[in-house]
N, C-alpha and C. Protein backbone atom coordinates (compact mmCIF):
# COMPACT_ATOMS: atom_id res chain seq x y z
N MET A 1 9.42 -16.62 8.14
CA MET A 1 9.41 -15.56 7.14
C MET A 1 10.84 -15.15 6.81
N GLN A 2 11.22 -15.10 5.58
CA GLN A 2 12.53 -14.65 5.17
C GLN A 2 12.72 -13.21 5.52
N TYR A 3 13.84 -12.82 5.95
CA TYR A 3 14.24 -11.49 6.42
C TYR A 3 13.64 -11.07 7.75
N GLU A 4 13.03 -12.03 8.54
CA GLU A 4 12.40 -11.63 9.77
C GLU A 4 13.39 -11.07 10.74
N GLU A 5 14.52 -11.64 10.86
CA GLU A 5 15.55 -11.13 11.82
C GLU A 5 15.94 -9.73 11.43
N LEU A 6 16.16 -9.49 10.17
CA LEU A 6 16.59 -8.20 9.63
C LEU A 6 15.48 -7.12 9.89
N THR A 7 14.21 -7.48 9.57
CA THR A 7 13.15 -6.51 9.79
C THR A 7 12.97 -6.24 11.25
N ASP A 8 13.10 -7.28 12.05
CA ASP A 8 13.04 -7.04 13.54
C ASP A 8 14.05 -6.03 14.03
N LYS A 9 15.28 -6.08 13.51
CA LYS A 9 16.32 -5.16 13.84
C LYS A 9 15.95 -3.76 13.43
N ILE A 10 15.44 -3.59 12.21
CA ILE A 10 15.04 -2.33 11.68
C ILE A 10 13.88 -1.72 12.59
N ILE A 11 12.92 -2.54 12.91
CA ILE A 11 11.82 -2.09 13.78
C ILE A 11 12.36 -1.67 15.12
N GLY A 12 13.29 -2.44 15.66
CA GLY A 12 13.89 -2.06 16.93
C GLY A 12 14.54 -0.68 16.88
N CYS A 13 15.17 -0.38 15.74
CA CYS A 13 15.83 0.95 15.53
C CYS A 13 14.73 2.01 15.51
N ALA A 14 13.66 1.77 14.87
CA ALA A 14 12.56 2.74 14.81
C ALA A 14 12.00 3.02 16.20
N TYR A 15 11.84 2.02 17.05
CA TYR A 15 11.39 2.26 18.38
C TYR A 15 12.38 3.07 19.23
N ARG A 16 13.65 2.80 19.00
CA ARG A 16 14.68 3.61 19.76
C ARG A 16 14.63 5.05 19.29
N VAL A 17 14.49 5.29 17.98
CA VAL A 17 14.38 6.68 17.47
C VAL A 17 13.10 7.36 18.07
N TYR A 18 12.01 6.61 18.08
CA TYR A 18 10.72 7.22 18.57
C TYR A 18 10.86 7.54 20.06
N ASN A 19 11.44 6.63 20.80
CA ASN A 19 11.57 6.83 22.24
C ASN A 19 12.41 8.09 22.57
N ARG A 20 13.32 8.42 21.69
CA ARG A 20 14.19 9.59 21.94
C ARG A 20 13.58 10.87 21.32
N MET A 21 12.94 10.74 20.19
CA MET A 21 12.47 11.86 19.41
C MET A 21 11.04 12.26 19.52
N GLY A 22 10.21 11.15 19.80
CA GLY A 22 8.77 11.42 19.87
C GLY A 22 8.13 11.82 18.55
N PHE A 23 6.99 12.33 18.51
CA PHE A 23 6.21 12.71 17.35
C PHE A 23 6.39 14.13 17.00
N GLY A 24 6.27 14.47 15.68
CA GLY A 24 6.19 15.84 15.26
C GLY A 24 7.33 16.38 14.40
N PHE A 25 8.40 15.57 14.25
CA PHE A 25 9.46 16.04 13.32
C PHE A 25 9.11 15.67 11.88
N VAL A 26 9.71 16.33 10.98
CA VAL A 26 9.59 16.03 9.56
C VAL A 26 10.28 14.66 9.28
N GLU A 27 9.89 14.02 8.18
CA GLU A 27 10.42 12.72 7.89
C GLU A 27 11.95 12.73 7.75
N SER A 28 12.54 13.73 7.19
CA SER A 28 13.98 13.77 7.02
C SER A 28 14.74 13.61 8.37
N VAL A 29 14.16 14.20 9.45
CA VAL A 29 14.79 14.11 10.78
C VAL A 29 14.78 12.61 11.22
N TYR A 30 13.65 11.93 11.00
CA TYR A 30 13.52 10.52 11.39
C TYR A 30 14.45 9.69 10.47
N GLU A 31 14.53 10.05 9.25
CA GLU A 31 15.41 9.33 8.30
C GLU A 31 16.87 9.33 8.76
N LYS A 32 17.32 10.52 9.06
CA LYS A 32 18.76 10.68 9.49
C LYS A 32 18.99 9.96 10.85
N SER A 33 17.95 10.05 11.71
CA SER A 33 18.06 9.36 13.00
C SER A 33 18.11 7.86 12.77
N MET A 34 17.23 7.36 11.88
CA MET A 34 17.23 5.92 11.58
C MET A 34 18.58 5.44 11.04
N LEU A 35 19.13 6.29 10.14
CA LEU A 35 20.50 5.88 9.62
C LEU A 35 21.56 5.73 10.69
N ILE A 36 21.49 6.57 11.72
CA ILE A 36 22.44 6.47 12.84
C ILE A 36 22.16 5.19 13.64
N GLU A 37 20.90 4.90 13.88
CA GLU A 37 20.59 3.65 14.63
C GLU A 37 20.89 2.38 13.84
N LEU A 38 20.62 2.37 12.52
CA LEU A 38 20.94 1.26 11.67
C LEU A 38 22.46 1.00 11.65
N LYS A 39 23.22 2.08 11.57
CA LYS A 39 24.71 1.95 11.58
C LYS A 39 25.15 1.33 12.91
N LYS A 40 24.55 1.83 14.03
CA LYS A 40 24.95 1.27 15.35
C LYS A 40 24.64 -0.18 15.41
N GLU A 41 23.58 -0.71 14.68
CA GLU A 41 23.20 -2.08 14.62
C GLU A 41 24.09 -2.89 13.74
N GLY A 42 24.99 -2.20 13.03
CA GLY A 42 25.93 -2.84 12.12
C GLY A 42 25.24 -3.18 10.75
N LEU A 43 24.20 -2.44 10.41
CA LEU A 43 23.51 -2.71 9.16
C LEU A 43 23.94 -1.65 8.09
N GLN A 44 24.06 -2.10 6.92
CA GLN A 44 24.33 -1.22 5.79
C GLN A 44 23.02 -0.59 5.29
N ALA A 45 22.95 0.72 5.17
CA ALA A 45 21.75 1.35 4.76
C ALA A 45 22.04 2.48 3.81
N GLU A 46 21.27 2.57 2.69
CA GLU A 46 21.38 3.65 1.72
C GLU A 46 20.14 4.54 1.85
N SER A 47 20.40 5.83 1.85
CA SER A 47 19.34 6.81 2.02
C SER A 47 19.00 7.38 0.66
N GLN A 48 17.70 7.74 0.41
CA GLN A 48 17.26 8.35 -0.81
C GLN A 48 17.75 7.59 -2.07
N LYS A 49 17.54 6.27 -2.04
CA LYS A 49 17.94 5.34 -3.08
C LYS A 49 17.08 5.59 -4.34
N ALA A 50 17.72 5.98 -5.43
CA ALA A 50 17.05 6.20 -6.73
C ALA A 50 16.57 4.90 -7.26
N ILE A 51 15.33 4.90 -7.75
CA ILE A 51 14.72 3.71 -8.34
C ILE A 51 14.11 4.11 -9.64
N ILE A 52 14.46 3.33 -10.69
CA ILE A 52 13.94 3.62 -12.00
C ILE A 52 12.73 2.69 -12.20
N VAL A 53 11.71 3.25 -12.80
CA VAL A 53 10.49 2.47 -13.10
C VAL A 53 10.43 2.28 -14.62
N GLN A 54 10.27 1.01 -15.04
CA GLN A 54 10.19 0.72 -16.46
C GLN A 54 8.83 0.17 -16.85
N TYR A 55 8.45 0.40 -18.04
CA TYR A 55 7.25 -0.19 -18.61
C TYR A 55 7.64 -0.66 -19.99
N GLU A 56 7.40 -1.88 -20.29
CA GLU A 56 7.73 -2.49 -21.63
C GLU A 56 9.14 -2.18 -21.94
N GLY A 57 10.05 -2.21 -21.01
CA GLY A 57 11.50 -2.06 -21.23
C GLY A 57 11.93 -0.56 -21.37
N GLU A 58 11.02 0.40 -21.19
CA GLU A 58 11.37 1.80 -21.33
C GLU A 58 11.16 2.47 -19.94
N ILE A 59 12.02 3.44 -19.71
CA ILE A 59 12.00 4.16 -18.44
C ILE A 59 10.78 5.09 -18.50
N VAL A 60 9.89 4.98 -17.49
CA VAL A 60 8.69 5.81 -17.43
C VAL A 60 8.69 6.69 -16.20
N GLY A 61 9.59 6.51 -15.28
CA GLY A 61 9.64 7.29 -14.11
C GLY A 61 10.85 6.98 -13.19
N GLU A 62 11.01 7.77 -12.20
CA GLU A 62 12.05 7.64 -11.25
C GLU A 62 11.56 8.17 -9.88
N PHE A 63 11.94 7.51 -8.86
CA PHE A 63 11.58 7.99 -7.53
C PHE A 63 12.68 7.64 -6.57
N LYS A 64 12.57 8.14 -5.33
CA LYS A 64 13.58 7.83 -4.34
C LYS A 64 12.95 7.18 -3.13
N ALA A 65 13.44 6.02 -2.82
CA ALA A 65 13.01 5.32 -1.63
C ALA A 65 13.76 5.89 -0.43
N ASP A 66 13.07 5.99 0.69
CA ASP A 66 13.68 6.61 1.86
C ASP A 66 15.02 5.87 2.27
N ILE A 67 14.88 4.59 2.50
CA ILE A 67 16.07 3.80 2.99
C ILE A 67 15.99 2.38 2.42
N LEU A 68 17.13 1.93 1.95
CA LEU A 68 17.23 0.51 1.56
C LEU A 68 18.27 -0.07 2.51
N VAL A 69 17.87 -1.12 3.22
CA VAL A 69 18.77 -1.74 4.21
C VAL A 69 19.30 -3.11 3.77
N GLU A 70 20.60 -3.23 3.81
CA GLU A 70 21.26 -4.51 3.42
C GLU A 70 20.91 -4.90 2.03
N ASP A 71 20.62 -3.94 1.15
CA ASP A 71 20.23 -4.16 -0.25
C ASP A 71 19.10 -5.21 -0.32
N ALA A 72 18.25 -5.25 0.65
CA ALA A 72 17.23 -6.22 0.81
C ALA A 72 15.84 -5.72 1.18
N VAL A 73 15.84 -4.79 2.15
CA VAL A 73 14.52 -4.32 2.73
C VAL A 73 14.32 -2.85 2.37
N MET A 74 13.24 -2.56 1.73
CA MET A 74 12.83 -1.15 1.44
C MET A 74 12.18 -0.60 2.69
N VAL A 75 12.58 0.54 3.13
CA VAL A 75 11.95 1.19 4.29
C VAL A 75 11.41 2.54 3.87
N GLU A 76 10.11 2.68 4.00
CA GLU A 76 9.42 3.94 3.71
C GLU A 76 9.06 4.57 5.04
N LEU A 77 9.44 5.80 5.28
CA LEU A 77 9.20 6.47 6.57
C LEU A 77 8.03 7.50 6.38
N LYS A 78 7.23 7.62 7.39
CA LYS A 78 6.20 8.62 7.47
C LYS A 78 6.19 9.27 8.86
N SER A 79 5.64 10.47 8.89
CA SER A 79 5.45 11.16 10.15
C SER A 79 4.07 11.80 10.09
N VAL A 80 3.08 10.95 10.22
CA VAL A 80 1.66 11.41 10.10
C VAL A 80 0.89 10.84 11.25
N ARG A 81 -0.32 11.32 11.44
CA ARG A 81 -1.13 10.82 12.51
C ARG A 81 -1.48 9.36 12.37
N LYS A 82 -1.77 8.93 11.12
CA LYS A 82 -2.15 7.54 10.90
C LYS A 82 -1.73 7.10 9.48
N ILE A 83 -1.32 5.90 9.35
CA ILE A 83 -1.04 5.35 8.03
C ILE A 83 -2.37 5.17 7.25
N ILE A 84 -2.31 5.51 6.01
CA ILE A 84 -3.50 5.31 5.15
C ILE A 84 -3.09 4.32 4.01
N LEU A 85 -4.12 3.82 3.31
CA LEU A 85 -3.90 2.90 2.26
C LEU A 85 -2.93 3.38 1.20
N ALA A 86 -2.99 4.66 0.88
CA ALA A 86 -2.06 5.20 -0.15
C ALA A 86 -0.58 5.02 0.25
N HIS A 87 -0.29 5.07 1.53
CA HIS A 87 1.09 4.90 2.00
C HIS A 87 1.47 3.42 1.74
N GLU A 88 0.60 2.54 2.00
CA GLU A 88 0.86 1.10 1.84
C GLU A 88 1.07 0.80 0.38
N VAL A 89 0.22 1.37 -0.49
CA VAL A 89 0.32 1.11 -1.91
C VAL A 89 1.63 1.69 -2.46
N GLN A 90 2.07 2.82 -1.94
CA GLN A 90 3.34 3.42 -2.35
C GLN A 90 4.47 2.39 -2.13
N LEU A 91 4.51 1.82 -0.92
CA LEU A 91 5.56 0.85 -0.62
C LEU A 91 5.49 -0.38 -1.51
N VAL A 92 4.28 -0.91 -1.76
CA VAL A 92 4.10 -2.05 -2.61
C VAL A 92 4.65 -1.74 -4.03
N ASN A 93 4.32 -0.52 -4.51
CA ASN A 93 4.82 -0.13 -5.83
C ASN A 93 6.36 -0.10 -5.86
N TYR A 94 6.97 0.35 -4.75
CA TYR A 94 8.44 0.33 -4.68
C TYR A 94 8.95 -1.09 -4.77
N LEU A 95 8.30 -2.00 -4.10
CA LEU A 95 8.72 -3.37 -4.13
C LEU A 95 8.61 -4.00 -5.55
N VAL A 96 7.52 -3.66 -6.19
CA VAL A 96 7.35 -4.18 -7.56
C VAL A 96 8.35 -3.60 -8.49
N ALA A 97 8.63 -2.28 -8.40
CA ALA A 97 9.63 -1.63 -9.26
C ALA A 97 10.99 -2.14 -9.06
N THR A 98 11.37 -2.44 -7.82
CA THR A 98 12.73 -2.89 -7.54
C THR A 98 12.96 -4.38 -7.57
N GLY A 99 11.84 -5.15 -7.48
CA GLY A 99 11.97 -6.63 -7.40
C GLY A 99 12.36 -7.08 -5.97
N LYS A 100 12.37 -6.15 -5.03
CA LYS A 100 12.67 -6.51 -3.65
C LYS A 100 11.45 -7.27 -3.08
N ASP A 101 11.76 -8.16 -2.16
CA ASP A 101 10.67 -9.03 -1.60
C ASP A 101 10.03 -8.41 -0.41
N VAL A 102 10.73 -7.59 0.40
CA VAL A 102 10.22 -7.20 1.72
C VAL A 102 10.34 -5.68 1.87
N GLY A 103 9.34 -5.05 2.44
CA GLY A 103 9.39 -3.63 2.76
C GLY A 103 8.72 -3.35 4.08
N LEU A 104 9.19 -2.29 4.68
CA LEU A 104 8.61 -1.80 5.96
C LEU A 104 8.09 -0.40 5.80
N LEU A 105 6.88 -0.17 6.23
CA LEU A 105 6.38 1.16 6.26
C LEU A 105 6.36 1.53 7.75
N LEU A 106 7.17 2.55 8.15
CA LEU A 106 7.35 2.93 9.48
C LEU A 106 6.76 4.30 9.66
N ASN A 107 5.77 4.47 10.51
CA ASN A 107 5.23 5.80 10.80
C ASN A 107 5.53 6.23 12.21
N PHE A 108 6.17 7.35 12.33
CA PHE A 108 6.46 7.93 13.67
C PHE A 108 5.23 8.69 14.02
N GLY A 109 4.18 8.05 14.47
CA GLY A 109 2.86 8.63 14.71
C GLY A 109 2.70 9.33 15.99
N GLU A 110 1.54 9.87 16.15
CA GLU A 110 1.20 10.69 17.34
C GLU A 110 1.31 9.93 18.67
N GLN A 111 0.92 8.71 18.70
CA GLN A 111 0.87 7.92 19.93
C GLN A 111 2.04 6.89 20.03
N LYS A 112 2.48 6.43 18.87
CA LYS A 112 3.48 5.29 18.81
C LYS A 112 4.00 5.13 17.43
N VAL A 113 4.94 4.22 17.32
CA VAL A 113 5.45 3.82 15.97
C VAL A 113 4.48 2.85 15.40
N GLN A 114 4.04 3.07 14.20
CA GLN A 114 3.18 2.13 13.48
C GLN A 114 4.09 1.42 12.47
N VAL A 115 3.88 0.09 12.33
CA VAL A 115 4.71 -0.69 11.47
C VAL A 115 3.84 -1.53 10.57
N LYS A 116 4.11 -1.50 9.25
CA LYS A 116 3.46 -2.41 8.31
C LYS A 116 4.54 -3.13 7.51
N ARG A 117 4.53 -4.44 7.56
CA ARG A 117 5.40 -5.24 6.70
C ARG A 117 4.64 -5.52 5.39
N LYS A 118 5.32 -5.35 4.33
CA LYS A 118 4.77 -5.67 2.96
C LYS A 118 5.72 -6.69 2.33
N LEU A 119 5.09 -7.71 1.75
CA LEU A 119 5.82 -8.74 1.04
C LEU A 119 5.40 -8.80 -0.42
N ARG A 120 6.37 -9.02 -1.27
CA ARG A 120 6.12 -9.16 -2.72
C ARG A 120 6.33 -10.61 -3.10
N PHE A 121 5.39 -11.17 -3.74
CA PHE A 121 5.43 -12.56 -4.12
C PHE A 121 5.41 -12.74 -5.66
N ILE A 122 5.30 -13.94 -6.11
CA ILE A 122 5.31 -14.27 -7.50
C ILE A 122 4.39 -13.42 -8.35
N ASP A 123 4.85 -13.04 -9.50
CA ASP A 123 4.04 -12.28 -10.49
C ASP A 123 3.55 -10.91 -9.94
N GLY A 124 4.26 -10.30 -9.06
CA GLY A 124 3.94 -9.04 -8.54
C GLY A 124 2.74 -8.99 -7.62
N VAL A 125 2.19 -10.16 -7.25
CA VAL A 125 1.08 -10.16 -6.36
C VAL A 125 1.67 -9.99 -4.93
N SER A 126 1.14 -9.06 -4.17
CA SER A 126 1.64 -8.82 -2.84
C SER A 126 0.64 -9.08 -1.76
N THR A 127 1.13 -9.47 -0.60
CA THR A 127 0.26 -9.62 0.49
C THR A 127 0.90 -8.79 1.65
N LYS A 128 0.18 -8.61 2.70
CA LYS A 128 0.74 -7.82 3.75
C LYS A 128 0.67 -8.61 5.11
N GLN A 129 1.57 -8.24 5.91
CA GLN A 129 1.57 -8.69 7.33
C GLN A 129 1.76 -7.46 8.14
N SER A 130 0.82 -7.17 8.99
CA SER A 130 0.88 -5.95 9.80
C SER A 130 1.48 -6.21 11.20
N VAL A 131 2.26 -5.26 11.66
CA VAL A 131 2.79 -5.35 12.99
C VAL A 131 2.52 -4.01 13.58
N THR A 132 2.12 -3.99 14.87
CA THR A 132 1.87 -2.70 15.52
C THR A 132 2.76 -2.52 16.76
């Protein structure tokens, strides 16, 4: 899988953050902690990356992705008891809007870090590969 080494590094950062911080902080705390860990890994990461959504060539919306790593992997962070389908769909929409191929949904959950890898393929059709 393309980007496997990069996503493995990002996931490793998430586990280090969770091992130190545990569950219960707001997403912004995990985001800032992740940025520190990603930097220690030697990875370039942008926080709150603005993304423009277009329809028929016209801007119809804008949102901010939590973290973009190495201008390649979208990272969406959550701090909820359990990932739900809406969280996964949100990340897939980010991939479609940006044209990025790989995204990680990282949840700093009650019991552990939950990880979902999302892949964007030809014609906006996406599939998923889950990692726990």
